C-alpha atoms as a PDB file:
ATOM      1  CA  HIS A   1       0.795  -4.460 -24.066  1.00  0.00           C
ATOM      2  CA  GLN A   2       3.313  -2.716 -22.892  1.00  0.00           C
ATOM      3  CA  PRO A   3       7.237  -4.590 -22.188  1.00  0.00           C
ATOM      4  CA  LEU A   4       8.011  -4.687 -18.175  1.00  0.00           C
ATOM      5  CA  PRO A   5      10.452  -1.159 -17.253  1.00  0.00           C
ATOM      6  CA  GLU A   6      13.858  -2.238 -16.622  1.00  0.00           C
ATOM      7  CA  GLU A   7      13.975  -1.183 -13.281  1.00  0.00           C
ATOM      8  CA  LEU A   8      11.563  -3.941 -12.398  1.00  0.00           C
ATOM      9  CA  ILE A   9      12.288  -6.644 -14.216  1.00  0.00           C
ATOM     10  CA  PRO A  10      15.027  -7.131 -10.068  1.00  0.00           C
ATOM     11  CA  ARG A  11      12.317  -7.315  -8.387  1.00  0.00           C
ATOM     12  CA  LEU A  12      11.013 -10.723 -10.101  1.00  0.00           C
ATOM     13  CA  ALA A  13      11.401 -13.770  -9.402  1.00  0.00           C
ATOM     14  CA  PRO A  14       9.776 -17.032 -10.714  1.00  0.00           C
ATOM     15  CA  ALA A  15       5.408 -17.806  -9.411  1.00  0.00           C
ATOM     16  CA  THR A  16       6.370 -21.354  -8.443  1.00  0.00           C
ATOM     17  CA  ALA A  17       9.104 -20.318  -5.767  1.00  0.00           C
ATOM     18  CA  ASP A  18       8.286 -21.256  -2.305  1.00  0.00           C
ATOM     19  CA  ASP A  19      10.478 -18.665  -1.340  1.00  0.00           C
ATOM     20  CA  ALA A  20      10.219 -15.754  -3.504  1.00  0.00           C
ATOM     21  CA  SER A  21      12.162 -12.759  -2.734  1.00  0.00           C
ATOM     22  CA  PRO A  22      13.373  -9.361  -4.343  1.00  0.00           C
ATOM     23  CA  GLY A  23      16.395  -9.930  -6.142  1.00  0.00           C
ATOM     24  CA  THR A  24      16.136 -13.502  -8.131  1.00  0.00           C
ATOM     25  CA  GLY A  25      14.496 -11.978 -11.439  1.00  0.00           C
ATOM     26  CA  GLY A  26      17.279 -12.445 -12.998  1.00  0.00           C
ATOM     27  CA  THR A  27      16.492 -16.104 -13.510  1.00  0.00           C
ATOM     28  CA  ILE A  28      13.615 -15.379 -15.511  1.00  0.00           C
ATOM     29  CA  PRO A  29      14.806 -15.998 -19.103  1.00  0.00           C
ATOM     30  CA  SER A  30      14.353 -12.810 -21.137  1.00  0.00           C
ATOM     31  CA  GLY A  31      11.917 -14.315 -23.805  1.00  0.00           C
ATOM     32  CA  SER A  32       9.416 -15.351 -20.668  1.00  0.00           C
ATOM     33  CA  LEU A  33       9.167 -11.843 -19.306  1.00  0.00           C
ATOM     34  CA  PRO A  34       5.875 -10.797 -18.114  1.00  0.00           C
ATOM     35  CA  TYR A  35       3.718  -6.890 -19.458  1.00  0.00           C
ATOM     36  CA  SER A  36       3.830  -4.472 -17.062  1.00  0.00           C
ATOM     37  CA  PRO A  37       0.705  -4.530 -15.298  1.00  0.00           C
ATOM     38  CA  PHE A  38       1.536  -1.466 -14.939  1.00  0.00           C
ATOM     39  CA  GLY A  39      -0.353   1.817 -18.060  1.00  0.00           C
ATOM     40  CA  ARG A  40       1.301   3.593 -20.037  1.00  0.00           C
ATOM     41  CA  ASP A  41       2.519   6.254 -18.602  1.00  0.00           C
ATOM     42  CA  TYR A  42       4.230   4.319 -15.663  1.00  0.00           C
ATOM     43  CA  ARG A  43       7.386   6.497 -14.364  1.00  0.00           C
ATOM     44  CA  SER A  44       8.490   4.204 -11.414  1.00  0.00           C
ATOM     45  CA  LEU A  45       7.328   2.126  -8.991  1.00  0.00           C
ATOM     46  CA  ARG A  46       6.487   4.969  -6.652  1.00  0.00           C
ATOM     47  CA  ARG A  47       4.475   6.817  -8.885  1.00  0.00           C
ATOM     48  CA  ALA A  48       2.172   3.978  -9.508  1.00  0.00           C
ATOM     49  CA  LEU A  49       1.159   2.257  -6.514  1.00  0.00           C
ATOM     50  CA  LEU A  50       0.537   5.579  -4.205  1.00  0.00           C
ATOM     51  CA  HIS A  51      -1.604   6.699  -7.958  1.00  0.00           C
ATOM     52  CA  PRO A  52      -5.058   4.693  -8.447  1.00  0.00           C
ATOM     53  CA  ALA A  53      -5.262   2.027 -11.425  1.00  0.00           C
ATOM     54  CA  TRP A  54      -5.703   2.677 -14.760  1.00  0.00           C
ATOM     55  CA  HIS A  55      -7.966   0.483 -15.559  1.00  0.00           C
ATOM     56  CA  ASP A  56     -10.899  -1.559 -13.098  1.00  0.00           C
ATOM     57  CA  GLY A  57      -9.643  -5.228 -14.177  1.00  0.00           C
ATOM     58  CA  ARG A  58      -8.356  -7.359 -11.167  1.00  0.00           C
ATOM     59  CA  MET A  59      -5.188  -7.659 -10.348  1.00  0.00           C
ATOM     60  CA  MET A  60      -4.063 -10.136  -8.253  1.00  0.00           C
ATOM     61  CA  GLY A  61      -1.831 -10.232  -5.346  1.00  0.00           C
ATOM     62  CA  PHE A  62      -0.419 -11.594  -1.882  1.00  0.00           C
ATOM     63  CA  VAL A  63       1.637 -11.259   1.683  1.00  0.00           C
ATOM     64  CA  ARG A  64       4.355 -13.545   2.693  1.00  0.00           C
ATOM     65  CA  ARG A  65       5.546 -12.969   6.216  1.00  0.00           C
ATOM     66  CA  VAL A  66       9.715 -12.967   6.576  1.00  0.00           C
ATOM     67  CA  LYS A  67      11.338 -13.443  10.273  1.00  0.00           C
ATOM     68  CA  THR A  68      13.877 -10.936  10.948  1.00  0.00           C
ATOM     69  CA  MET A  69      16.241 -10.466  13.433  1.00  0.00           C
ATOM     70  CA  THR A  70      14.345  -7.424  14.495  1.00  0.00           C
ATOM     71  CA  GLY A  71      11.128  -8.700  14.223  1.00  0.00           C
ATOM     72  CA  VAL A  72       8.678  -9.840  11.186  1.00  0.00           C
ATOM     73  CA  ARG A  73       8.307  -8.364   7.827  1.00  0.00           C
ATOM     74  CA  PHE A  74       5.227  -7.943   5.602  1.00  0.00           C
ATOM     75  CA  ASP A  75       5.825  -8.617   1.843  1.00  0.00           C
ATOM     76  CA  PHE A  76       3.327  -7.885  -1.129  1.00  0.00           C
ATOM     77  CA  PHE A  77       3.996  -9.537  -4.664  1.00  0.00           C
ATOM     78  CA  LEU A  78       2.195  -8.732  -7.190  1.00  0.00           C
ATOM     79  CA  GLU A  79       1.078 -11.590  -9.567  1.00  0.00           C
ATOM     80  CA  LEU A  80       2.487 -11.461 -13.077  1.00  0.00           C
ATOM     81  CA  PRO A  81       1.592 -14.651 -15.572  1.00  0.00           C
ATOM     82  CA  GLY A  82       4.283 -17.559 -14.765  1.00  0.00           C
ATOM     83  CA  SER A  83       6.512 -14.198 -12.768  1.00  0.00           C
ATOM     84  CA  VAL A  84       5.339 -12.183  -8.852  1.00  0.00           C
ATOM     85  CA  LEU A  85       6.468  -9.050  -8.726  1.00  0.00           C
ATOM     86  CA  PHE A  86       8.302  -7.549  -5.361  1.00  0.00           C
ATOM     87  CA  CYS A  87       5.696  -4.529  -4.901  1.00  0.00           C
ATOM     88  CA  MET A  88       6.862  -3.276  -1.368  1.00  0.00           C
ATOM     89  CA  ALA A  89       7.647  -4.725   2.557  1.00  0.00           C
ATOM     90  CA  SER A  90       6.032  -3.480   5.678  1.00  0.00           C
ATOM     91  CA  ALA A  91       7.076  -3.524   9.501  1.00  0.00           C
ATOM     92  CA  LYS A  92       5.654  -2.661  12.982  1.00  0.00           C
ATOM     93  CA  LEU A  93       7.470   0.115  14.469  1.00  0.00           C
ATOM     94  CA  ALA A  94       8.247  -1.023  17.850  1.00  0.00           C
ATOM     95  CA  ARG A  95       8.591   2.542  19.890  1.00  0.00           C
ATOM     96  CA  SER A  96       4.655   2.752  18.517  1.00  0.00           C
ATOM     97  CA  VAL A  97       2.521   3.347  21.033  1.00  0.00           C
ATOM     98  CA  THR A  98      -0.594   2.504  18.848  1.00  0.00           C
ATOM     99  CA  ALA A  99      -0.027   0.146  15.683  1.00  0.00           C
ATOM    100  CA  TYR A 100       1.853   1.471  13.607  1.00  0.00           C
ATOM    101  CA  TYR A 101       3.762  -0.194  10.066  1.00  0.00           C
ATOM    102  CA  CYS A 102       5.935   1.191   7.759  1.00  0.00           C
ATOM    103  CA  ILE A 103       5.712   0.637   4.284  1.00  0.00           C
ATOM    104  CA  ALA A 104       8.499   1.031   1.587  1.00  0.00           C
ATOM    105  CA  LEU A 105       9.808  -0.170  -1.427  1.00  0.00           C
ATOM    106  CA  ASP A 106      13.321  -1.704  -0.008  1.00  0.00           C
ATOM    107  CA  GLY A 107      12.807  -4.832   2.560  1.00  0.00           C
ATOM    108  CA  ALA A 108      15.862  -4.234   3.713  1.00  0.00           C
ATOM    109  CA  ALA A 109      14.835  -0.214   4.073  1.00  0.00           C
ATOM    110  CA  VAL A 110      12.011  -0.323   6.287  1.00  0.00           C
ATOM    111  CA  SER A 111      11.951   3.250   7.800  1.00  0.00           C
ATOM    112  CA  ARG A 112      10.305   5.946   8.148  1.00  0.00           C
ATOM    113  CA  ASP A 113      13.769   7.903   7.524  1.00  0.00           C
ATOM    114  CA  SER A 114      14.849   5.663   3.819  1.00  0.00           C
ATOM    115  CA  PRO A 115      14.860   7.567   1.463  1.00  0.00           C
ATOM    116  CA  HIS A 116      12.541   4.660  -0.024  1.00  0.00           C
ATOM    117  CA  TYR A 117      10.011   5.217   2.852  1.00  0.00           C
ATOM    118  CA  LEU A 118       6.191   4.670   1.099  1.00  0.00           C
ATOM    119  CA  GLY A 119       3.270   5.442   3.401  1.00  0.00           C
ATOM    120  CA  LYS A 120       2.168   4.158   6.586  1.00  0.00           C
ATOM    121  CA  LEU A 121      -0.402   2.070   8.196  1.00  0.00           C
ATOM    122  CA  ARG A 122      -2.169   3.067  11.115  1.00  0.00           C
ATOM    123  CA  ALA A 123      -5.167   1.091  13.548  1.00  0.00           C
ATOM    124  CA  CYS A 124      -7.108   3.707  14.297  1.00  0.00           C
ATOM    125  CA  SER A 125      -9.182   1.677  17.696  1.00  0.00           C
ATOM    126  CA  VAL A 126      -7.603   0.432  20.186  1.00  0.00           C
ATOM    127  CA  GLY A 127      -9.473  -3.070  19.065  1.00  0.00           C
ATOM    128  CA  GLY A 128      -7.746  -2.993  15.404  1.00  0.00           C
ATOM    129  CA  THR A 129     -11.040  -2.709  13.502  1.00  0.00           C
ATOM    130  CA  SER A 130     -10.153   0.391  11.556  1.00  0.00           C
ATOM    131  CA  TRP A 131      -7.344   1.538  10.192  1.00  0.00           C
ATOM    132  CA  MET A 132      -6.146   4.115   8.061  1.00  0.00           C
ATOM    133  CA  LEU A 133      -3.470   4.255   5.217  1.00  0.00           C
ATOM    134  CA  PHE A 134      -0.685   7.950   4.616  1.00  0.00           C
ATOM    135  CA  ASP A 135       1.465   8.433   1.836  1.00  0.00           C
ATOM    136  CA  ASN A 136       5.001  10.231   3.079  1.00  0.00           C
ATOM    137  CA  GLY A 137       3.674  13.406   2.714  1.00  0.00           C
ATOM    138  CA  LEU A 138       4.811  15.762   6.229  1.00  0.00           C
ATOM    139  CA  SER A 139       1.902  16.724   8.744  1.00  0.00           C
ATOM    140  CA  SER A 140       0.424  20.855   8.601  1.00  0.00           C
ATOM    141  CA  LYS A 141       3.301  21.669  11.047  1.00  0.00           C
ATOM    142  CA  ASP A 142       5.883  20.062   8.973  1.00  0.00           C
ATOM    143  CA  ALA A 143       4.607  21.651   5.311  1.00  0.00           C
ATOM    144  CA  ALA A 144       4.209  25.195   5.827  1.00  0.00           C
ATOM    145  CA  GLY A 145       1.245  25.713   4.593  1.00  0.00           C
ATOM    146  CA  ASP A 146       2.357  23.681   1.396  1.00  0.00           C
ATOM    147  CA  LYS A 147      -0.540  21.818   0.818  1.00  0.00           C
ATOM    148  CA  MET A 148       1.429  20.252  -2.101  1.00  0.00           C
ATOM    149  CA  LEU A 149       3.402  18.498   0.157  1.00  0.00           C
ATOM    150  CA  LEU A 150       0.651  17.536   2.746  1.00  0.00           C
ATOM    151  CA  ARG A 151       0.264  13.876   3.978  1.00  0.00           C
ATOM    152  CA  ARG A 152      -3.057  12.636   2.504  1.00  0.00           C
ATOM    153  CA  GLN A 153      -5.323   9.346   2.782  1.00  0.00           C
ATOM    154  CA  LEU A 154      -5.224   7.190   0.894  1.00  0.00           C
ATOM    155  CA  ALA A 155      -6.949   4.527   2.410  1.00  0.00           C
ATOM    156  CA  ALA A 156      -9.814   3.857   5.077  1.00  0.00           C
ATOM    157  CA  ILE A 157     -10.525   0.657   6.581  1.00  0.00           C
ATOM    158  CA  GLU A 158     -13.054  -1.321   8.954  1.00  0.00           C
ATOM    159  CA  PHE A 159     -13.673  -4.357   9.670  1.00  0.00           C
ATOM    160  CA  GLU A 160     -16.409  -6.016  12.264  1.00  0.00           C
ATOM    161  CA  ARG A 161     -14.247  -9.257  13.881  1.00  0.00           C
ATOM    162  CA  ASN A 162     -16.533 -12.559  13.571  1.00  0.00           C
ATOM    163  CA  ILE A 163     -17.284 -13.654  16.823  1.00  0.00           C
ATOM    164  CA  LEU A 164     -18.046 -16.731  16.066  1.00  0.00           C
ATOM    165  CA  GLY A 165     -14.107 -17.595  15.328  1.00  0.00           C
ATOM    166  CA  ALA A 166     -14.698 -18.352  11.259  1.00  0.00           C
ATOM    167  CA  ALA A 167     -11.526 -16.906   8.428  1.00  0.00           C
ATOM    168  CA  GLY A 168     -11.686 -13.563   8.000  1.00  0.00           C
ATOM    169  CA  PRO A 169     -13.868 -10.314   8.985  1.00  0.00           C
ATOM    170  CA  SER A 170     -18.282 -10.482   9.596  1.00  0.00           C
ATOM    171  CA  LYS A 171     -18.193  -6.894   8.109  1.00  0.00           C
ATOM    172  CA  LEU A 172     -15.491  -5.372   5.484  1.00  0.00           C
ATOM    173  CA  GLN A 173     -15.585  -1.534   4.178  1.00  0.00           C
ATOM    174  CA  VAL A 174     -12.617   0.171   2.488  1.00  0.00           C
ATOM    175  CA  VAL A 175     -13.250   3.668   0.935  1.00  0.00           C
ATOM    176  CA  VAL A 176     -10.556   4.876  -1.318  1.00  0.00           C
ATOM    177  CA  PRO A 177     -10.342   8.905  -3.035  1.00  0.00           C
ATOM    178  CA  ALA A 178     -11.381   8.699  -6.970  1.00  0.00           C
ATOM    179  CA  SER A 179      -7.999  10.703  -7.709  1.00  0.00           C
ATOM    180  CA  VAL A 180      -4.808  11.541  -5.002  1.00  0.00           C
ATOM    181  CA  SER A 181      -5.458  14.617  -6.576  1.00  0.00           C
ATOM    182  CA  SER A 182      -8.640  14.946  -4.887  1.00  0.00           C
ATOM    183  CA  LYS A 183      -8.814  17.074  -2.062  1.00  0.00           C
ATOM    184  CA  THR A 184     -10.076  14.601   0.130  1.00  0.00           C
ATOM    185  CA  ALA A 185      -6.938  12.947  -0.320  1.00  0.00           C
ATOM    186  CA  VAL A 186      -5.337  15.521   1.507  1.00  0.00           C
ATOM    187  CA  SER A 187      -5.229  15.572   5.389  1.00  0.00           C
ATOM    188  CA  SER A 188      -3.147  18.405   7.263  1.00  0.00           C
ATOM    189  CA  ASP A 189      -3.595  16.587  10.669  1.00  0.00           C
ATOM    190  CA  GLU A 190      -4.200  12.728  11.078  1.00  0.00           C
ATOM    191  CA  GLY A 191      -6.005  13.540  14.740  1.00  0.00           C
ATOM    192  CA  ALA A 192      -8.326  16.133  13.288  1.00  0.00           C
ATOM    193  CA  GLU A 193      -9.753  15.051  10.044  1.00  0.00           C
ATOM    194  CA  GLN A 194     -12.178  12.980   9.768  1.00  0.00           C
ATOM    195  CA  SER A 195     -11.138   9.351   8.312  1.00  0.00           C
ATOM    196  CA  LEU A 196     -12.896   8.454   4.477  1.00  0.00           C
ATOM    197  CA  THR A 197     -14.936   6.270   5.483  1.00  0.00           C
ATOM    198  CA  GLU A 198     -16.837   8.927   8.366  1.00  0.00           C
ATOM    199  CA  ARG A 199     -16.229  10.265   4.696  1.00  0.00           C
ATOM    200  CA  TRP A 200     -18.841   8.750   3.400  1.00  0.00           C
ATOM    201  CA  ARG A 201     -21.337   7.115   6.713  1.00  0.00           C
ATOM    202  CA  ALA A 202     -21.665  11.130   6.661  1.00  0.00           C
ATOM    203  CA  GLY A 203     -22.926  11.009   2.727  1.00  0.00           C
ATOM    204  CA  LYS A 204     -19.751  13.336   1.786  1.00  0.00           C
ATOM    205  CA  ARG A 205     -18.851  11.203  -1.020  1.00  0.00           C
ATOM    206  CA  GLU A 206     -18.196  13.486  -3.660  1.00  0.00           C
ATOM    207  CA  GLY A 207     -14.397  11.477  -4.881  1.00  0.00           C
ATOM    208  CA  LEU A 208     -14.626   8.933  -3.269  1.00  0.00           C
ATOM    209  CA  ILE A 209     -15.361   5.523  -3.637  1.00  0.00           C
ATOM    210  CA  SER A 210     -16.210   2.363  -1.967  1.00  0.00           C
ATOM    211  CA  LEU A 211     -14.911  -1.048  -2.736  1.00  0.00           C
ATOM    212  CA  VAL A 212     -16.918  -3.006  -0.005  1.00  0.00           C
END
């Protein structure tokens, strides 16, 4: 077990708090701090969230819907023994034609121009049944040929709506790259590249993992 990095302590909140929010970690006694959910090579929360998990165990989390002056924000928490850890927040981009959510490390600065910008979740279908998750990399035009700066696909999600009205989709598929350094994780152009699910269906499964 690794101790929780000091930079993450302010992001903790008691697990019993109904209104858990980042910045309440000071209310947790130092002797009751949970162990770090990340590996020994932890460098930053940004890096930990953008890379595959260091183990194959199950990690539980939840999303809290928060009303703000400008709309609705979604805060993601990771469940730890006796507490929860605020990891990131997302909000819909109002001026976007399609369903487009910005993701940031700071709930007060959810914007593509923010230094806390982490990535985006974008709908790829009119009905909102196909989604793609990207990191904060650049487009092929802005990257100017530097592959290290290119935007990467981190996940592709597709589901079918349940016509019977029951909770949850009738079918769900999530495809992720086995490594963010893999060529399958690089997207030079969102519109031109095949999504991860399309590659999976075409049998091009090298470097891909299906979670469902």
